[in-house]
PDB file of all heavy atoms in Angstrom:
ATOM      1  N   ILE A   1       0.869  -1.176  -0.010  1.00  0.00           N
ATOM      2  CA  ILE A   1      -0.003  -0.003   0.004  1.00  0.00           C
ATOM      3  C   ILE A   1       0.892   1.223   0.001  1.00  0.00           C
ATOM      4  O   ILE A   1       1.553   1.535   0.977  1.00  0.00           O
ATOM      5  CB  ILE A   1      -0.937  -0.001   1.206  1.00  0.00           C
ATOM      6  CG1 ILE A   1      -1.883  -1.216   1.156  1.00  0.00           C
ATOM      7  CG2 ILE A   1      -1.731   1.307   1.279  1.00  0.00           C
ATOM      8  CD1 ILE A   1      -2.748  -1.372   2.401  1.00  0.00           C
ATOM      9  N   ALA A   2       0.944   1.926  -1.140  1.00  0.00           N
ATOM     10  CA  ALA A   2       1.844   3.053  -1.301  1.00  0.00           C
ATOM     11  C   ALA A   2       1.236   4.360  -0.805  1.00  0.00           C
ATOM     12  O   ALA A   2       1.940   5.180  -0.231  1.00  0.00           O
ATOM     13  CB  ALA A   2       2.261   3.184  -2.761  1.00  0.00           C
ATOM     14  N   GLN A   3      -0.034   4.541  -1.019  1.00  0.00           N
ATOM     15  CA  GLN A   3      -0.664   5.825  -0.694  1.00  0.00           C
ATOM     16  C   GLN A   3      -2.098   5.574  -0.244  1.00  0.00           C
ATOM     17  O   GLN A   3      -2.808   4.723  -0.809  1.00  0.00           O
ATOM     18  CB  GLN A   3      -0.657   6.720  -1.914  1.00  0.00           C
ATOM     19  CG  GLN A   3      -1.258   8.079  -1.703  1.00  0.00           C
ATOM     20  CD  GLN A   3      -1.235   8.900  -2.977  1.00  0.00           C
ATOM     21  OE1 GLN A   3      -0.845   8.418  -4.037  1.00  0.00           O
ATOM     22  NE2 GLN A   3      -1.677  10.137  -2.884  1.00  0.00           N
ATOM     23  N   VAL A   4      -2.536   6.327   0.762  1.00  0.00           N
ATOM     24  CA  VAL A   4      -3.918   6.243   1.250  1.00  0.00           C
ATOM     25  C   VAL A   4      -4.492   7.644   1.302  1.00  0.00           C
ATOM     26  O   VAL A   4      -3.873   8.543   1.886  1.00  0.00           O
ATOM     27  CB  VAL A   4      -3.966   5.612   2.663  1.00  0.00           C
ATOM     28  CG1 VAL A   4      -5.386   5.641   3.189  1.00  0.00           C
ATOM     29  CG2 VAL A   4      -3.450   4.190   2.645  1.00  0.00           C
ATOM     30  N   GLN A   5      -5.642   7.840   0.666  1.00  0.00           N
ATOM     31  CA  GLN A   5      -6.368   9.088   0.757  1.00  0.00           C
ATOM     32  C   GLN A   5      -7.771   8.781   1.244  1.00  0.00           C
ATOM     33  O   GLN A   5      -8.391   7.804   0.784  1.00  0.00           O
ATOM     34  CB  GLN A   5      -6.442   9.778  -0.597  1.00  0.00           C
ATOM     35  CG  GLN A   5      -5.142  10.345  -1.107  1.00  0.00           C
ATOM     36  CD  GLN A   5      -5.339  10.986  -2.462  1.00  0.00           C
ATOM     37  OE1 GLN A   5      -5.779  10.320  -3.398  1.00  0.00           O
ATOM     38  NE2 GLN A   5      -5.019  12.255  -2.541  1.00  0.00           N
ATOM     39  N   VAL A   6      -8.291   9.614   2.144  1.00  0.00           N
ATOM     40  CA  VAL A   6      -9.643   9.403   2.701  1.00  0.00           C
ATOM     41  C   VAL A   6     -10.470  10.640   2.444  1.00  0.00           C
ATOM     42  O   VAL A   6     -10.038  11.768   2.715  1.00  0.00           O
ATOM     43  CB  VAL A   6      -9.556   9.104   4.209  1.00  0.00           C
ATOM     44  CG1 VAL A   6     -10.956   8.787   4.750  1.00  0.00           C
ATOM     45  CG2 VAL A   6      -8.616   7.944   4.495  1.00  0.00           C
ATOM     46  N   PHE A   7     -11.672  10.407   1.916  1.00  0.00           N
ATOM     47  CA  PHE A   7     -12.591  11.497   1.616  1.00  0.00           C
ATOM     48  C   PHE A   7     -13.930  11.253   2.296  1.00  0.00           C
ATOM     49  O   PHE A   7     -14.376  10.101   2.398  1.00  0.00           O
ATOM     50  CB  PHE A   7     -12.849  11.595   0.099  1.00  0.00           C
ATOM     51  CG  PHE A   7     -11.612  11.899  -0.693  1.00  0.00           C
ATOM     52  CD1 PHE A   7     -10.855  10.878  -1.223  1.00  0.00           C
ATOM     53  CD2 PHE A   7     -11.217  13.214  -0.915  1.00  0.00           C
ATOM     54  CE1 PHE A   7      -9.727  11.148  -1.964  1.00  0.00           C
ATOM     55  CE2 PHE A   7     -10.082  13.485  -1.647  1.00  0.00           C
ATOM     56  CZ  PHE A   7      -9.323  12.450  -2.171  1.00  0.00           C
ATOM     57  N   CYS A   8     -14.524  12.323   2.764  1.00  0.00           N
ATOM     58  CA  CYS A   8     -15.896  12.249   3.299  1.00  0.00           C
ATOM     59  C   CYS A   8     -16.792  12.791   2.206  1.00  0.00           C
ATOM     60  O   CYS A   8     -16.571  13.892   1.683  1.00  0.00           O
ATOM     61  CB  CYS A   8     -16.016  13.101   4.553  1.00  0.00           C
ATOM     62  SG  CYS A   8     -17.684  13.118   5.209  1.00  0.00           S
ATOM     63  N   VAL A   9     -17.809  12.027   1.832  1.00  0.00           N
ATOM     64  CA  VAL A   9     -18.710  12.418   0.747  1.00  0.00           C
ATOM     65  C   VAL A   9     -20.128  12.457   1.284  1.00  0.00           C
ATOM     66  O   VAL A   9     -20.584  11.519   1.931  1.00  0.00           O
ATOM     67  CB  VAL A   9     -18.627  11.393  -0.429  1.00  0.00           C
ATOM     68  CG1 VAL A   9     -19.544  11.814  -1.547  1.00  0.00           C
ATOM     69  CG2 VAL A   9     -17.211  11.230  -0.914  1.00  0.00           C
ATOM     70  N   TYR A  10     -20.798  13.575   1.014  1.00  0.00           N
ATOM     71  CA  TYR A  10     -22.213  13.666   1.351  1.00  0.00           C
ATOM     72  C   TYR A  10     -22.943  13.773   0.020  1.00  0.00           C
ATOM     73  O   TYR A  10     -22.544  14.532  -0.857  1.00  0.00           O
ATOM     74  CB  TYR A  10     -22.508  14.900   2.223  1.00  0.00           C
ATOM     75  CG  TYR A  10     -23.922  14.935   2.722  1.00  0.00           C
ATOM     76  CD1 TYR A  10     -24.316  14.111   3.766  1.00  0.00           C
ATOM     77  CD2 TYR A  10     -24.877  15.730   2.125  1.00  0.00           C
ATOM     78  CE1 TYR A  10     -25.606  14.116   4.234  1.00  0.00           C
ATOM     79  CE2 TYR A  10     -26.190  15.747   2.592  1.00  0.00           C
ATOM     80  CZ  TYR A  10     -26.534  14.926   3.652  1.00  0.00           C
ATOM     81  OH  TYR A  10     -27.831  14.922   4.099  1.00  0.00           O
ATOM     82  N   ILE A  11     -23.997  12.986  -0.137  1.00  0.00           N
ATOM     83  CA  ILE A  11     -24.722  12.948  -1.402  1.00  0.00           C
ATOM     84  C   ILE A  11     -25.154  14.355  -1.787  1.00  0.00           C
ATOM     85  O   ILE A  11     -25.787  15.061  -1.005  1.00  0.00           O
ATOM     86  CB  ILE A  11     -25.948  12.004  -1.305  1.00  0.00           C
ATOM     87  CG1 ILE A  11     -25.540  10.635  -0.865  1.00  0.00           C
ATOM     88  CG2 ILE A  11     -26.727  11.979  -2.610  1.00  0.00           C
ATOM     89  CD1 ILE A  11     -24.543   9.948  -1.766  1.00  0.00           C
ATOM     90  N   GLY A  12     -24.794  14.784  -2.979  1.00  0.00           N
ATOM     91  CA  GLY A  12     -25.158  16.089  -3.487  1.00  0.00           C
ATOM     92  C   GLY A  12     -24.058  17.138  -3.311  1.00  0.00           C
ATOM     93  O   GLY A  12     -24.106  18.188  -3.921  1.00  0.00           O
ATOM     94  N   ASP A  13     -23.072  16.886  -2.457  1.00  0.00           N
ATOM     95  CA  ASP A  13     -21.985  17.825  -2.250  1.00  0.00           C
ATOM     96  C   ASP A  13     -20.686  17.235  -2.755  1.00  0.00           C
ATOM     97  O   ASP A  13     -20.612  16.045  -3.100  1.00  0.00           O
ATOM     98  CB  ASP A  13     -21.811  18.149  -0.757  1.00  0.00           C
ATOM     99  CG  ASP A  13     -22.968  19.001  -0.229  1.00  0.00           C
ATOM    100  OD1 ASP A  13     -23.635  19.652  -1.037  1.00  0.00           O
ATOM    101  OD2 ASP A  13     -23.168  18.982   0.982  1.00  0.00           O
ATOM    102  N   THR A  14     -19.649  18.033  -2.762  1.00  0.00           N
ATOM    103  CA  THR A  14     -18.343  17.540  -3.191  1.00  0.00           C
ATOM    104  C   THR A  14     -17.673  16.781  -2.048  1.00  0.00           C
ATOM    105  O   THR A  14     -18.064  16.897  -0.899  1.00  0.00           O
ATOM    106  CB  THR A  14     -17.441  18.717  -3.615  1.00  0.00           C
ATOM    107  OG1 THR A  14     -17.331  19.616  -2.513  1.00  0.00           O
ATOM    108  CG2 THR A  14     -18.018  19.418  -4.827  1.00  0.00           C
ATOM    109  N   ALA A  15     -16.646  16.044  -2.407  1.00  0.00           N
ATOM    110  CA  ALA A  15     -15.915  15.265  -1.420  1.00  0.00           C
ATOM    111  C   ALA A  15     -14.941  16.173  -0.665  1.00  0.00           C
ATOM    112  O   ALA A  15     -14.359  17.085  -1.235  1.00  0.00           O
ATOM    113  CB  ALA A  15     -15.136  14.146  -2.105  1.00  0.00           C
ATOM    114  N   VAL A  16     -14.792  15.909   0.622  1.00  0.00           N
ATOM    115  CA  VAL A  16     -13.874  16.652   1.476  1.00  0.00           C
ATOM    116  C   VAL A  16     -12.740  15.726   1.850  1.00  0.00           C
ATOM    117  O   VAL A  16     -12.955  14.634   2.373  1.00  0.00           O
ATOM    118  CB  VAL A  16     -14.592  17.168   2.745  1.00  0.00           C
ATOM    119  CG1 VAL A  16     -13.617  17.873   3.662  1.00  0.00           C
ATOM    120  CG2 VAL A  16     -15.765  18.047   2.395  1.00  0.00           C
ATOM    121  N   ASP A  17     -11.509  16.163   1.575  1.00  0.00           N
ATOM    122  CA  ASP A  17     -10.329  15.374   1.892  1.00  0.00           C
ATOM    123  C   ASP A  17     -10.078  15.441   3.401  1.00  0.00           C
ATOM    124  O   ASP A  17      -9.795  16.489   3.959  1.00  0.00           O
ATOM    125  CB  ASP A  17      -9.131  15.894   1.134  1.00  0.00           C
ATOM    126  CG  ASP A  17      -7.916  14.992   1.249  1.00  0.00           C
ATOM    127  OD1 ASP A  17      -7.934  14.040   2.058  1.00  0.00           O
ATOM    128  OD2 ASP A  17      -6.922  15.259   0.546  1.00  0.00           O
ATOM    129  N   ILE A  18     -10.184  14.269   4.078  1.00  0.00           N
ATOM    130  CA  ILE A  18      -9.929  14.215   5.521  1.00  0.00           C
ATOM    131  C   ILE A  18      -8.709  13.339   5.837  1.00  0.00           C
ATOM    132  O   ILE A  18      -8.567  12.875   6.949  1.00  0.00           O
ATOM    133  CB  ILE A  18     -11.187  13.707   6.281  1.00  0.00           C
ATOM    134  CG1 ILE A  18     -11.588  12.301   5.824  1.00  0.00           C
ATOM    135  CG2 ILE A  18     -12.336  14.676   6.152  1.00  0.00           C
ATOM    136  CD1 ILE A  18     -12.660  11.652   6.685  1.00  0.00           C
ATOM    137  N   THR A  19      -7.847  13.179   4.866  1.00  0.00           N
ATOM    138  CA  THR A  19      -6.685  12.300   5.033  1.00  0.00           C
ATOM    139  C   THR A  19      -5.806  12.783   6.208  1.00  0.00           C
ATOM    140  O   THR A  19      -5.298  11.950   6.968  1.00  0.00           O
ATOM    141  CB  THR A  19      -5.847  12.285   3.726  1.00  0.00           C
ATOM    142  OG1 THR A  19      -6.683  11.893   2.663  1.00  0.00           O
ATOM    143  CG2 THR A  19      -4.681  11.312   3.830  1.00  0.00           C
ATOM    144  N   ASP A  20      -5.664  14.093   6.363  1.00  0.00           N
ATOM    145  CA  ASP A  20      -4.810  14.610   7.435  1.00  0.00           C
ATOM    146  C   ASP A  20      -5.404  14.323   8.823  1.00  0.00           C
ATOM    147  O   ASP A  20      -4.650  14.251   9.799  1.00  0.00           O
ATOM    148  CB  ASP A  20      -4.617  16.115   7.281  1.00  0.00           C
ATOM    149  CG  ASP A  20      -3.864  16.470   6.010  1.00  0.00           C
ATOM    150  OD1 ASP A  20      -3.168  15.573   5.496  1.00  0.00           O
ATOM    151  OD2 ASP A  20      -3.985  17.600   5.517  1.00  0.00           O
ATOM    152  N   LYS A  21      -6.705  14.185   8.920  1.00  0.00           N
ATOM    153  CA  LYS A  21      -7.347  13.937  10.216  1.00  0.00           C
ATOM    154  C   LYS A  21      -7.415  12.472  10.591  1.00  0.00           C
ATOM    155  O   LYS A  21      -7.556  12.145  11.748  1.00  0.00           O
ATOM    156  CB  LYS A  21      -8.771  14.494  10.191  1.00  0.00           C
ATOM    157  CG  LYS A  21      -8.844  16.004   9.979  1.00  0.00           C
ATOM    158  CD  LYS A  21     -10.279  16.437   9.936  1.00  0.00           C
ATOM    159  CE  LYS A  21     -10.395  17.936   9.684  1.00  0.00           C
ATOM    160  NZ  LYS A  21     -11.803  18.344   9.592  1.00  0.00           N
ATOM    161  N   VAL A  22      -7.354  11.589   9.606  1.00  0.00           N
ATOM    162  CA  VAL A  22      -7.515  10.146   9.836  1.00  0.00           C
ATOM    163  C   VAL A  22      -6.167   9.514  10.144  1.00  0.00           C
ATOM    164  O   VAL A  22      -5.140   9.884   9.572  1.00  0.00           O
ATOM    165  CB  VAL A  22      -8.155   9.475   8.616  1.00  0.00           C
ATOM    166  CG1 VAL A  22      -8.230   7.977   8.765  1.00  0.00           C
ATOM    167  CG2 VAL A  22      -9.532  10.030   8.339  1.00  0.00           C
ATOM    168  N   ASP A  23      -6.159   8.562  11.047  1.00  0.00           N
ATOM    169  CA  ASP A  23      -4.953   7.790  11.342  1.00  0.00           C
ATOM    170  C   ASP A  23      -4.700   6.811  10.199  1.00  0.00           C
ATOM    171  O   ASP A  23      -5.262   5.710  10.177  1.00  0.00           O
ATOM    172  CB  ASP A  23      -5.131   7.061  12.670  1.00  0.00           C
ATOM    173  CG  ASP A  23      -3.897   6.288  13.095  1.00  0.00           C
ATOM    174  OD1 ASP A  23      -2.858   6.357  12.380  1.00  0.00           O
ATOM    175  OD2 ASP A  23      -3.972   5.605  14.122  1.00  0.00           O
ATOM    176  N   THR A  24      -3.896   7.221   9.239  1.00  0.00           N
ATOM    177  CA  THR A  24      -3.678   6.420   8.044  1.00  0.00           C
ATOM    178  C   THR A  24      -2.935   5.113   8.338  1.00  0.00           C
ATOM    179  O   THR A  24      -3.088   4.131   7.617  1.00  0.00           O
ATOM    180  CB  THR A  24      -2.943   7.199   6.936  1.00  0.00           C
ATOM    181  OG1 THR A  24      -1.737   7.754   7.463  1.00  0.00           O
ATOM    182  CG2 THR A  24      -3.823   8.312   6.392  1.00  0.00           C
ATOM    183  N   ASP A  25      -2.137   5.118   9.418  1.00  0.00           N
ATOM    184  CA  ASP A  25      -1.458   3.884   9.801  1.00  0.00           C
ATOM    185  C   ASP A  25      -2.475   2.822  10.252  1.00  0.00           C
ATOM    186  O   ASP A  25      -2.339   1.646   9.917  1.00  0.00           O
ATOM    187  CB  ASP A  25      -0.435   4.137  10.914  1.00  0.00           C
ATOM    188  CG  ASP A  25       0.738   4.973  10.433  1.00  0.00           C
ATOM    189  OD1 ASP A  25       1.055   4.900   9.218  1.00  0.00           O
ATOM    190  OD2 ASP A  25       1.341   5.700  11.257  1.00  0.00           O
ATOM    191  N   ALA A  26      -3.479   3.261  10.986  1.00  0.00           N
ATOM    192  CA  ALA A  26      -4.541   2.352  11.423  1.00  0.00           C
ATOM    193  C   ALA A  26      -5.334   1.840  10.220  1.00  0.00           C
ATOM    194  O   ALA A  26      -5.718   0.667  10.155  1.00  0.00           O
ATOM    195  CB  ALA A  26      -5.449   3.005  12.431  1.00  0.00           C
ATOM    196  N   VAL A  27      -5.591   2.736   9.263  1.00  0.00           N
ATOM    197  CA  VAL A  27      -6.286   2.334   8.038  1.00  0.00           C
ATOM    198  C   VAL A  27      -5.462   1.315   7.278  1.00  0.00           C
ATOM    199  O   VAL A  27      -5.982   0.295   6.813  1.00  0.00           O
ATOM    200  CB  VAL A  27      -6.605   3.575   7.152  1.00  0.00           C
ATOM    201  CG1 VAL A  27      -7.150   3.145   5.799  1.00  0.00           C
ATOM    202  CG2 VAL A  27      -7.567   4.501   7.856  1.00  0.00           C
ATOM    203  N   ARG A  28      -4.133   1.539   7.168  1.00  0.00           N
ATOM    204  CA  ARG A  28      -3.254   0.571   6.493  1.00  0.00           C
ATOM    205  C   ARG A  28      -3.264  -0.783   7.157  1.00  0.00           C
ATOM    206  O   ARG A  28      -3.182  -1.803   6.494  1.00  0.00           O
ATOM    207  CB  ARG A  28      -1.817   1.100   6.486  1.00  0.00           C
ATOM    208  CG  ARG A  28      -1.505   1.976   5.350  1.00  0.00           C
ATOM    209  CD  ARG A  28       0.002   2.157   5.213  1.00  0.00           C
ATOM    210  NE  ARG A  28       0.296   2.891   4.018  1.00  0.00           N
ATOM    211  CZ  ARG A  28       0.428   4.195   3.944  1.00  0.00           C
ATOM    212  NH1 ARG A  28       0.301   4.925   5.005  1.00  0.00           N
ATOM    213  NH2 ARG A  28       0.700   4.767   2.794  1.00  0.00           N
ATOM    214  N   GLU A  29      -3.391  -0.812   8.489  1.00  0.00           N
ATOM    215  CA  GLU A  29      -3.449  -2.090   9.201  1.00  0.00           C
ATOM    216  C   GLU A  29      -4.752  -2.829   8.937  1.00  0.00           C
ATOM    217  O   GLU A  29      -4.773  -4.060   8.900  1.00  0.00           O
ATOM    218  CB  GLU A  29      -3.289  -1.868  10.707  1.00  0.00           C
ATOM    219  CG  GLU A  29      -1.892  -1.498  11.137  1.00  0.00           C
ATOM    220  CD  GLU A  29      -1.808  -1.236  12.637  1.00  0.00           C
ATOM    221  OE1 GLU A  29      -2.678  -1.722  13.372  1.00  0.00           O
ATOM    222  OE2 GLU A  29      -0.885  -0.534  13.057  1.00  0.00           O
ATOM    223  N   LEU A  30      -5.830  -2.084   8.779  1.00  0.00           N
ATOM    224  CA  LEU A  30      -7.147  -2.707   8.580  1.00  0.00           C
ATOM    225  C   LEU A  30      -7.389  -3.154   7.145  1.00  0.00           C
ATOM    226  O   LEU A  30      -8.127  -4.115   6.915  1.00  0.00           O
ATOM    227  CB  LEU A  30      -8.268  -1.753   9.005  1.00  0.00           C
ATOM    228  CG  LEU A  30      -8.434  -1.561  10.503  1.00  0.00           C
ATOM    229  CD1 LEU A  30      -9.440  -0.417  10.776  1.00  0.00           C
ATOM    230  CD2 LEU A  30      -8.900  -2.841  11.156  1.00  0.00           C
TER     231      LEU A  30
END
């Protein structure tokens, strides 16, 4: 896994990048 990006999407709106707020190491483990 080289890169992880996380977005929050609400139907009808654009995606918000929340990668900086999320523990990407925990995401990589899961």
